[in-house]
Structures are given as structure tokens and as C-alpha cells.
Amino acid sequence: MLNTRNCTLFFEGKWSEEEILGYVPSGSMISHDHSSFPEPNAFIFGDNFEILASLVPHYREAFDLIYIDPPFGTGQDFSQPEKDVAYSDDLIDHEFLAFLHKRLVLLRELLSERGTIYLHIDKKIGHYVKLIMDEVFGYQNFINDITRIKCNPKNFSRKAYGNYSDMILVYAKKRDQQIWNEVREPLTESEVKKLFPKIHPEKGRYTTHPLHAPGETINGDTGQEWKGLFPPKGRHWRYSREELSKLDNEGLIEWSSKGNPRKMVFAKEHPGKKVQDVWTFKDKGMSYVSYPTEKNHDLLQRIIQHSSHPDSLVLDAFAGSGGTLINASRLGRKWVGIDQSEEAKVVIEENMEKEGIVYRSLLFLAEE
């Protein structure tokens, strides 16, 4: 068993890892061209436990990114307005935990050495799921618990705080070896105004930074006189005197009325801010989505951009509307998607056609 800080979650119906990894799929995959195994890009229709077990021998440690948005153990049916039930979230309590645990063990086997898994889950059961993920992936490989703002604030009468967020648990196969692309977030208009209060007639908003930094340079160039000035006591110039003169000649140094020079820094040159662990990606109303649990595509793009490369394979074992697969295609990644809902299969076909995405459709055919 992997290190879990001496905490293990026990529940009825829990399989051992030996049972899960030794499971032999009770069927096979077929496609319209009678080929038996999927090449990316492929959507596979059927029970994802059977399919994942079938994929492990061929795709072991092949996927750099896995995103899953499994049922939340709510016991509810989900459907589109005036349509049949898309899927039933009918597994609750220990049955749901057993269902998820089996699949997470197989997903770990499919995750590459540089891979990351994102699991989207409701807060009502998410903390139980984190214990399972600590056990399966190792608590030392935990990266983030992201809070996702999913809707506008609620105003209900029950005695509780409003619930307008869910969570995304993020684990690496091997922490600090995972793919990580530092994709920064643009500043908001209000942040730009606050951070860059001055306006240049040609270059737009800017602020100024000191030209000196802590620490003295006794004999070096950055401790010497420049334009009749020495750096303040206990400090040194941030740039060589040659670079300071170049900045001044280019009009990038602002001189105060008292003759104090400061470097001009422009808003348009700001690299953006680091993404934090609270995300606002609100779900659209039911009349605006193609599937009941469809997630915001900007959220999916952020995940794909941060945790995969163009040559990466992406897996979504609860594909739903195909949002992960579509955005992986848009960003040049290869993918495999799985779902067992008839409604999901139809929606994915429709969405792929709209996007002009060519893919292979396969069926997991269970043995009778």
C-alpha cells in the first residue's frame, strides 16, 4: 500500500489492488472497421472499468493528463429539458466509493511518469475521495485542492451557508516530475488601473520601480557614480551604468522633481498573474449546454494547457458531452474518451461533427 500518512478509508465492497489489477475484462472492443483496439483519437462506448482494464496492457503509463468528472454520489437522475435521462447517479455511500476506487487504481496504471490527474467532485463526498486518492496515488503526490466557483451565490432558506463551489483534486504520478506549463492569467481592468496608475501619452498605463536594490557593491560597476548620483547607502544599482544610460536615452527612466530616477514599467509588458487555487468557471444554464453535467470549456482548456504538451495523450473516462476531447483536439493533443451513456454517445457524435473532428468510435462488447 502506498504511503497515506497512516490513514486508510475502509468501506464495504472495497477491492484489493491485487483484485483490481488482476481483473480480466469480460469482453472486447470492436469498431465499424472491425479493428479490435483503439488508436487515438478514439471514443469508446461501454463500462469504463472494463474498458480501462482493457487499456492497461496497451497504454500503461501512456497518458500525460487524465481529467475525470465522475458521478458525485448524489442518487439523482440527470437529463436535458424535455429529454430522456442522460445518466443516473444512483451509486451512493460505500457503493460509490468502491466504484471510484477500482477505476482510480486502473487510471494510476495508465498515467505516465510525467502525468497529472484532475478529479472533479462535489464537496459533499470530496473529502472521502481525497483519502482514496492519497491511498492510490500517494499523499506525497498531492498537488492541489482547487475550489471551483460553479454558479452565482445562492439565497435559500435552509440553515446553512450558500453552496456555490465544488472541488478539483490534482495529483501527479511523481510530484515535481509532472508536466507544468506556467500559463499566466491576464490582469483584470481594475487590477491594471490599480497597479499601473500613470498614463504615458504613447505607451499607455505604467508605474515606476526603483533603480537600486539592497546590498552594497564596493568595487563593482553597480556601486559607482552614474549621472552625478550614487546608489543610496546599503544599496546598489539594479543595472550596469551602461544599461542605465541606455534606458535613459530610450525615455524609460522617469526623473522626479528632486532628481530621483525610477524605471518606467508598462502594463502591456506585464506577464500576467500566477493562477491560484480558486477558479471562477461558472456552469451554463441547462438550456445552453448539450449535456447535463457539461463543464465550462475555458476550465478544461486551462487544465490541458497547464498539464500537457502538444505530443501528450489525454484521457477522460467519464466523457459526457466530450468537452475534454474537443478541447484536447483544439489544442493539438491526442485523446481517448469513454462513456456508457447512450445520451452522451449521441451528444459526442453531434459535437464532434460540429467541430469537424475526425475520430474513431468503438464499442466494448461484453461477453454473454
Protein backbone atom coordinates (compact mmCIF):
# COMPACT_ATOMS: atom_id res chain seq x y z
CA MET A 1 0.00 0.00 0.00
CA LEU A 2 1.24 3.49 -0.81
CA ASN A 3 2.09 5.92 1.98
CA THR A 4 -1.13 7.55 3.20
CA ARG A 5 0.02 9.21 6.44
CA ASN A 6 -1.24 6.06 8.21
CA CYS A 7 -4.83 6.82 7.10
CA THR A 8 -6.84 4.34 5.07
CA LEU A 9 -10.51 4.56 4.22
CA PHE A 10 -12.35 1.27 4.72
CA PHE A 11 -15.75 0.71 3.12
CA GLU A 12 -17.94 -2.20 2.17
CA GLY A 13 -17.20 -3.71 -1.24
CA LYS A 14 -13.62 -2.38 -1.46
CA TRP A 15 -11.45 -4.50 -3.74
CA SER A 16 -7.78 -5.05 -3.06
CA GLU A 17 -5.27 -3.71 -5.57
CA GLU A 18 -4.38 -7.30 -6.43
CA GLU A 19 -8.01 -8.00 -7.35
CA ILE A 20 -8.28 -4.83 -9.45
CA LEU A 21 -5.00 -5.25 -11.31
CA GLY A 22 -5.65 -8.95 -11.85
CA TYR A 23 -9.11 -8.41 -13.29
CA VAL A 24 -9.63 -9.89 -16.76
CA PRO A 25 -12.08 -7.85 -18.91
CA SER A 26 -15.24 -9.76 -19.76
CA GLY A 27 -15.48 -8.66 -23.36
CA SER A 28 -13.67 -6.85 -26.16
CA MET A 29 -13.69 -3.64 -28.16
CA ILE A 30 -14.93 -3.51 -31.72
CA SER A 31 -15.28 -0.74 -34.28
CA HIS A 32 -17.04 -0.29 -37.62
CA ASP A 33 -13.86 -1.35 -39.45
CA HIS A 34 -13.60 -4.48 -37.21
CA SER A 35 -10.31 -3.39 -35.65
CA SER A 36 -10.11 -4.53 -32.03
CA PHE A 37 -8.03 -1.87 -30.32
CA PRO A 38 -8.28 1.94 -30.30
CA GLU A 39 -5.70 4.29 -31.69
CA PRO A 40 -6.08 7.91 -30.59
CA ASN A 41 -8.32 9.74 -31.24
CA ALA A 42 -10.99 7.30 -30.06
CA PHE A 43 -14.28 7.36 -28.20
CA ILE A 44 -15.17 4.03 -26.59
CA PHE A 45 -18.74 3.29 -25.56
CA GLY A 46 -19.22 1.00 -22.59
CA ASP A 47 -18.43 0.31 -18.94
CA ASN A 48 -15.28 2.29 -18.18
CA PHE A 49 -13.99 -0.26 -15.65
CA GLU A 50 -13.97 -2.97 -18.30
CA ILE A 51 -12.50 -0.59 -20.86
CA LEU A 52 -9.79 0.77 -18.55
CA ALA A 53 -8.78 -2.78 -17.65
CA SER A 54 -8.54 -3.50 -21.40
CA LEU A 55 -6.42 -0.39 -21.99
CA VAL A 56 -3.85 -1.02 -19.25
CA PRO A 57 -1.74 -3.66 -21.09
CA HIS A 58 -1.51 -1.45 -24.19
CA TYR A 59 -1.48 2.08 -22.71
CA ARG A 60 0.34 1.58 -19.41
CA GLU A 61 1.90 4.92 -18.35
CA ALA A 62 0.92 6.47 -21.71
CA PHE A 63 -1.38 9.33 -20.67
CA ASP A 64 0.18 12.62 -19.58
CA LEU A 65 -3.16 14.04 -18.49
CA ILE A 66 -6.29 12.43 -17.10
CA TYR A 67 -9.36 14.53 -16.33
CA ILE A 68 -12.45 12.87 -14.89
CA ASP A 69 -15.76 14.29 -13.77
CA PRO A 70 -17.40 11.18 -12.29
CA PRO A 71 -20.87 10.97 -10.75
CA PHE A 72 -20.98 12.72 -7.39
CA GLY A 73 -22.80 10.01 -5.44
CA THR A 74 -25.99 12.07 -5.29
CA GLY A 75 -28.55 9.36 -6.06
CA GLN A 76 -30.18 11.63 -8.65
CA ASP A 77 -31.12 11.34 -12.32
CA PHE A 78 -29.75 13.95 -14.75
CA SER A 79 -31.41 14.88 -18.02
CA GLN A 80 -31.80 17.68 -20.53
CA PRO A 81 -35.05 19.65 -20.57
CA GLU A 82 -37.74 17.65 -22.39
CA LYS A 83 -35.33 14.74 -22.98
CA ASP A 84 -34.80 11.31 -21.53
CA VAL A 85 -32.48 10.73 -18.58
CA ALA A 86 -28.86 11.25 -19.70
CA TYR A 87 -27.49 9.23 -16.80
CA SER A 88 -28.42 8.12 -13.30
CA ASP A 89 -26.09 9.00 -10.45
CA ASP A 90 -27.55 6.10 -8.47
CA LEU A 91 -24.45 4.89 -6.64
CA ILE A 92 -24.22 6.36 -3.15
CA ASP A 93 -22.18 5.93 0.02
CA HIS A 94 -19.90 2.86 0.07
CA GLU A 95 -21.10 1.71 -3.37
CA PHE A 96 -19.91 4.94 -4.94
CA LEU A 97 -16.55 4.82 -3.12
CA ALA A 98 -15.98 1.22 -4.25
CA PHE A 99 -16.96 2.15 -7.82
CA LEU A 100 -14.49 5.05 -7.89
CA HIS A 101 -11.64 3.28 -6.10
CA LYS A 102 -11.49 0.48 -8.68
CA ARG A 103 -11.26 2.96 -11.53
CA LEU A 104 -8.66 5.17 -9.84
CA VAL A 105 -6.29 2.20 -9.43
CA LEU A 106 -6.52 1.49 -13.17
CA LEU A 107 -6.14 5.18 -14.02
CA ARG A 108 -2.93 5.28 -11.97
CA GLU A 109 -1.55 2.47 -14.14
CA LEU A 110 -2.41 4.48 -17.27
CA LEU A 111 -0.88 7.75 -16.01
CA SER A 112 2.61 8.50 -17.34
CA GLU A 113 5.68 9.24 -15.22
CA ARG A 114 5.21 12.94 -16.09
CA GLY A 115 1.44 12.76 -15.79
CA THR A 116 -1.23 14.54 -13.75
CA ILE A 117 -4.78 13.52 -12.87
CA TYR A 118 -7.56 16.03 -12.19
CA LEU A 119 -10.67 14.68 -10.45
CA HIS A 120 -13.73 16.95 -10.38
CA ILE A 121 -16.01 16.17 -7.43
CA ASP A 122 -18.69 17.61 -5.16
CA LYS A 123 -17.68 18.81 -1.68
CA LYS A 124 -20.24 16.56 0.00
CA ILE A 125 -18.14 13.50 -0.82
CA GLY A 126 -14.86 15.03 -1.99
CA HIS A 127 -13.01 14.61 1.29
CA TYR A 128 -13.65 10.86 1.30
CA VAL A 129 -12.39 10.80 -2.29
CA LYS A 130 -9.22 12.60 -1.26
CA LEU A 131 -8.42 9.84 1.23
CA ILE A 132 -8.84 7.29 -1.56
CA MET A 133 -6.61 9.31 -3.88
CA ASP A 134 -3.98 9.62 -1.13
CA GLU A 135 -4.01 5.83 -0.89
CA VAL A 136 -3.96 5.17 -4.64
CA PHE A 137 -1.54 7.89 -5.79
CA GLY A 138 0.32 8.62 -2.54
CA TYR A 139 -0.29 11.72 -0.42
CA GLN A 140 3.20 12.93 -1.36
CA ASN A 141 1.94 13.30 -4.96
CA PHE A 142 -0.94 15.59 -3.98
CA ILE A 143 -0.66 18.90 -5.86
CA ASN A 144 -3.79 20.99 -5.24
CA ASP A 145 -7.34 21.04 -3.97
CA ILE A 146 -8.88 23.61 -6.32
CA THR A 147 -12.09 25.38 -5.37
CA ARG A 148 -14.23 25.95 -8.46
CA ILE A 149 -16.92 28.65 -8.29
CA LYS A 150 -19.69 26.93 -10.23
CA CYS A 151 -22.65 29.34 -10.05
CA ASN A 152 -23.90 32.65 -8.70
CA PRO A 153 -24.38 32.99 -4.92
CA LYS A 154 -27.47 31.16 -3.67
CA ASN A 155 -30.21 32.62 -1.50
CA PHE A 156 -32.05 29.73 0.12
CA SER A 157 -33.93 29.47 3.41
CA ARG A 158 -32.25 26.42 4.99
CA LYS A 159 -29.91 26.94 7.93
CA ALA A 160 -26.56 26.83 6.11
CA TYR A 161 -24.14 28.95 4.12
CA GLY A 162 -24.71 29.13 0.39
CA ASN A 163 -23.07 26.40 -1.66
CA TYR A 164 -21.72 27.74 -4.93
CA SER A 165 -18.49 25.81 -5.38
CA ASP A 166 -17.16 22.31 -5.95
CA MET A 167 -13.62 20.93 -5.93
CA ILE A 168 -10.96 19.55 -8.24
CA LEU A 169 -8.35 17.25 -6.70
CA VAL A 170 -4.99 17.26 -8.50
CA TYR A 171 -2.34 14.55 -8.15
CA ALA A 172 0.87 13.83 -10.03
CA LYS A 173 2.19 10.37 -10.80
CA LYS A 174 5.51 11.62 -9.42
CA ARG A 175 5.41 15.06 -7.84
CA ASP A 176 7.84 17.61 -9.32
CA GLN A 177 8.30 15.44 -12.42
CA GLN A 178 4.89 16.26 -13.85
CA ILE A 179 4.39 18.44 -16.92
CA TRP A 180 3.80 22.02 -15.83
CA ASN A 181 3.38 24.91 -18.22
CA GLU A 182 3.20 28.24 -16.38
CA VAL A 183 0.23 29.74 -18.22
CA ARG A 184 -0.49 33.06 -16.56
CA GLU A 185 -3.81 34.83 -16.19
CA PRO A 186 -4.32 38.34 -17.65
CA LEU A 187 -4.83 41.18 -15.20
CA THR A 188 -8.37 42.49 -14.90
CA GLU A 189 -9.10 46.07 -15.94
CA SER A 190 -9.38 47.15 -12.30
CA GLU A 191 -6.06 45.46 -11.46
CA VAL A 192 -4.35 47.24 -14.36
CA LYS A 193 -5.64 50.61 -13.14
CA LYS A 194 -4.53 49.89 -9.59
CA LEU A 195 -1.06 48.54 -10.43
CA PHE A 196 -0.33 51.00 -13.26
CA PRO A 197 -1.86 54.32 -12.16
CA LYS A 198 0.13 56.59 -14.50
CA ILE A 199 -0.58 57.11 -18.20
CA HIS A 200 2.06 57.63 -20.89
CA PRO A 201 0.76 59.53 -23.95
CA GLU A 202 2.09 56.87 -26.34
CA LYS A 203 2.68 53.66 -24.36
CA GLY A 204 -0.35 53.61 -22.11
CA ARG A 205 -0.55 52.79 -18.43
CA TYR A 206 2.62 52.44 -16.40
CA THR A 207 4.16 52.56 -12.95
CA THR A 208 7.74 53.12 -11.78
CA HIS A 209 10.20 50.90 -9.93
CA PRO A 210 13.41 51.85 -8.04
CA LEU A 211 16.66 51.61 -9.97
CA HIS A 212 18.53 50.33 -6.90
CA ALA A 213 18.36 47.12 -4.84
CA PRO A 214 19.52 46.04 -1.35
CA GLY A 215 23.20 45.25 -0.85
CA GLU A 216 26.34 47.28 -1.43
CA THR A 217 28.78 46.76 -4.30
CA ILE A 218 32.13 48.11 -3.10
CA ASN A 219 34.28 47.92 -6.21
CA GLY A 220 31.88 46.76 -8.91
CA ASP A 221 30.24 48.84 -11.61
CA THR A 222 26.82 48.88 -9.93
CA GLY A 223 28.22 50.68 -6.89
CA GLN A 224 29.75 53.55 -8.86
CA GLU A 225 28.55 57.04 -9.68
CA TRP A 226 26.08 57.47 -12.55
CA LYS A 227 24.99 60.88 -13.83
CA GLY A 228 26.22 62.50 -10.65
CA LEU A 229 24.39 60.04 -8.38
CA PHE A 230 25.46 57.16 -6.17
CA PRO A 231 23.03 54.45 -5.08
CA PRO A 232 21.63 55.06 -1.56
CA LYS A 233 23.65 53.77 1.41
CA GLY A 234 23.49 49.97 1.69
CA ARG A 235 22.19 49.54 -1.88
CA HIS A 236 23.49 49.15 -5.45
CA TRP A 237 22.22 49.92 -8.95
CA ARG A 238 19.99 47.14 -10.37
CA TYR A 239 21.66 47.56 -13.79
CA SER A 240 25.12 48.36 -15.09
CA ARG A 241 25.77 52.04 -15.69
CA GLU A 242 25.81 51.37 -19.44
CA GLU A 243 22.33 49.80 -19.21
CA LEU A 244 21.10 52.72 -17.07
CA SER A 245 22.24 55.20 -19.74
CA LYS A 246 20.56 53.11 -22.44
CA LEU A 247 17.27 53.11 -20.52
CA ASP A 248 17.51 56.86 -20.01
CA ASN A 249 18.23 57.51 -23.69
CA GLU A 250 15.18 55.41 -24.62
CA GLY A 251 12.97 57.50 -22.36
CA LEU A 252 12.35 54.63 -19.96
CA ILE A 253 13.52 56.44 -16.82
CA GLU A 254 11.29 58.96 -15.09
CA TRP A 255 13.06 61.71 -13.15
CA SER A 256 11.27 63.26 -10.19
CA SER A 257 11.29 66.99 -9.47
CA LYS A 258 14.03 66.27 -6.93
CA GLY A 259 16.17 64.42 -9.48
CA ASN A 260 15.35 60.88 -8.32
CA PRO A 261 15.39 58.38 -11.24
CA ARG A 262 12.93 55.44 -11.44
CA LYS A 263 12.39 52.89 -14.19
CA MET A 264 9.10 53.05 -16.10
CA VAL A 265 7.25 49.71 -16.25
CA PHE A 266 4.31 49.43 -18.65
CA ALA A 267 1.09 47.45 -18.21
CA LYS A 268 1.33 45.95 -21.69
CA GLU A 269 4.61 44.28 -20.70
CA HIS A 270 3.13 42.56 -17.63
CA PRO A 271 3.41 38.75 -17.99
CA GLY A 272 0.12 38.12 -16.21
CA LYS A 273 -0.55 36.77 -12.75
CA LYS A 274 0.02 33.23 -11.48
CA VAL A 275 -3.15 31.15 -11.42
CA GLN A 276 -4.28 30.47 -7.84
CA ASP A 277 -6.34 27.59 -6.42
CA VAL A 278 -9.74 29.31 -6.57
CA TRP A 279 -11.20 29.31 -10.09
CA THR A 280 -14.33 31.04 -11.32
CA PHE A 281 -15.70 28.99 -14.21
CA LYS A 282 -19.45 29.02 -13.82
CA ASP A 283 -21.62 26.36 -15.37
CA LYS A 284 -24.02 27.49 -18.07
CA GLY A 285 -27.77 27.03 -17.69
CA MET A 286 -29.35 23.78 -18.84
CA SER A 287 -30.75 25.42 -21.95
CA TYR A 288 -27.23 26.42 -23.07
CA VAL A 289 -25.42 23.08 -22.81
CA SER A 290 -25.58 19.83 -24.75
CA TYR A 291 -25.33 17.56 -21.69
CA PRO A 292 -26.50 17.94 -18.06
CA THR A 293 -23.05 17.91 -16.45
CA GLU A 294 -21.17 19.72 -19.22
CA LYS A 295 -18.26 21.70 -17.79
CA ASN A 296 -17.06 25.14 -18.80
CA HIS A 297 -14.73 24.78 -21.79
CA ASP A 298 -12.41 27.52 -20.52
CA LEU A 299 -11.84 25.43 -17.38
CA LEU A 300 -10.93 22.40 -19.48
CA GLN A 301 -8.59 24.43 -21.68
CA ARG A 302 -6.78 25.76 -18.61
CA ILE A 303 -6.19 22.23 -17.33
CA ILE A 304 -4.99 20.94 -20.70
CA GLN A 305 -2.67 23.91 -21.26
CA HIS A 306 -1.06 23.66 -17.83
CA SER A 307 -0.58 19.89 -17.61
CA SER A 308 0.12 18.55 -21.09
CA HIS A 309 2.28 19.10 -24.17
CA PRO A 310 1.21 19.02 -27.84
CA ASP A 311 2.57 15.46 -28.07
CA SER A 312 0.63 14.34 -24.98
CA LEU A 313 -2.15 11.79 -24.74
CA VAL A 314 -5.23 12.92 -22.79
CA LEU A 315 -7.83 10.60 -21.22
CA ASP A 316 -11.36 11.30 -20.00
CA ALA A 317 -13.06 8.17 -18.65
CA PHE A 318 -16.39 9.96 -17.97
CA ALA A 319 -16.55 11.86 -21.24
CA GLY A 320 -20.12 13.22 -21.01
CA SER A 321 -20.55 15.83 -23.74
CA GLY A 322 -16.97 15.31 -24.96
CA GLY A 323 -15.74 18.70 -23.73
CA THR A 324 -12.32 17.37 -22.68
CA LEU A 325 -11.90 15.58 -26.01
CA ILE A 326 -12.94 18.63 -28.04
CA ASN A 327 -10.59 20.99 -26.21
CA ALA A 328 -7.75 18.48 -26.38
CA SER A 329 -8.26 18.44 -30.18
CA ARG A 330 -8.37 22.24 -30.33
CA LEU A 331 -5.04 22.37 -28.52
CA GLY A 332 -3.42 19.71 -30.70
CA ARG A 333 -3.44 16.82 -28.21
CA LYS A 334 -4.40 13.21 -28.90
CA TRP A 335 -7.08 11.67 -26.72
CA VAL A 336 -9.18 8.71 -25.65
CA GLY A 337 -12.68 9.18 -24.24
CA ILE A 338 -15.02 6.71 -22.54
CA ASP A 339 -18.68 6.83 -21.53
CA GLN A 340 -21.54 4.36 -21.18
CA SER A 341 -24.47 6.76 -21.50
CA GLU A 342 -26.45 6.46 -24.74
CA GLU A 343 -27.25 10.17 -24.48
CA ALA A 344 -23.56 11.02 -24.08
CA LYS A 345 -22.70 8.95 -27.16
CA VAL A 346 -25.24 10.86 -29.27
CA VAL A 347 -24.13 14.24 -27.92
CA ILE A 348 -20.44 13.47 -28.53
CA GLU A 349 -21.18 12.45 -32.11
CA GLU A 350 -23.10 15.71 -32.67
CA ASN A 351 -20.43 17.88 -31.02
CA MET A 352 -17.58 16.22 -32.90
CA GLU A 353 -19.39 16.76 -36.19
CA LYS A 354 -19.91 20.45 -35.37
CA GLU A 355 -16.20 20.81 -34.60
CA GLY A 356 -15.11 18.86 -37.68
CA ILE A 357 -13.11 16.42 -35.53
CA VAL A 358 -12.31 13.07 -37.10
CA TYR A 359 -12.22 10.23 -34.57
CA ARG A 360 -12.79 6.51 -34.21
CA SER A 361 -15.86 5.22 -32.42
CA LEU A 362 -15.63 1.87 -30.67
CA LEU A 363 -17.96 -0.32 -28.63
CA PHE A 364 -16.97 -2.51 -25.69
CA LEU A 365 -18.94 -5.67 -26.34
CA ALA A 366 -19.48 -7.66 -23.14
CA GLU A 367 -19.43 -11.42 -23.31
CA GLU A 368 -22.78 -13.07 -22.67
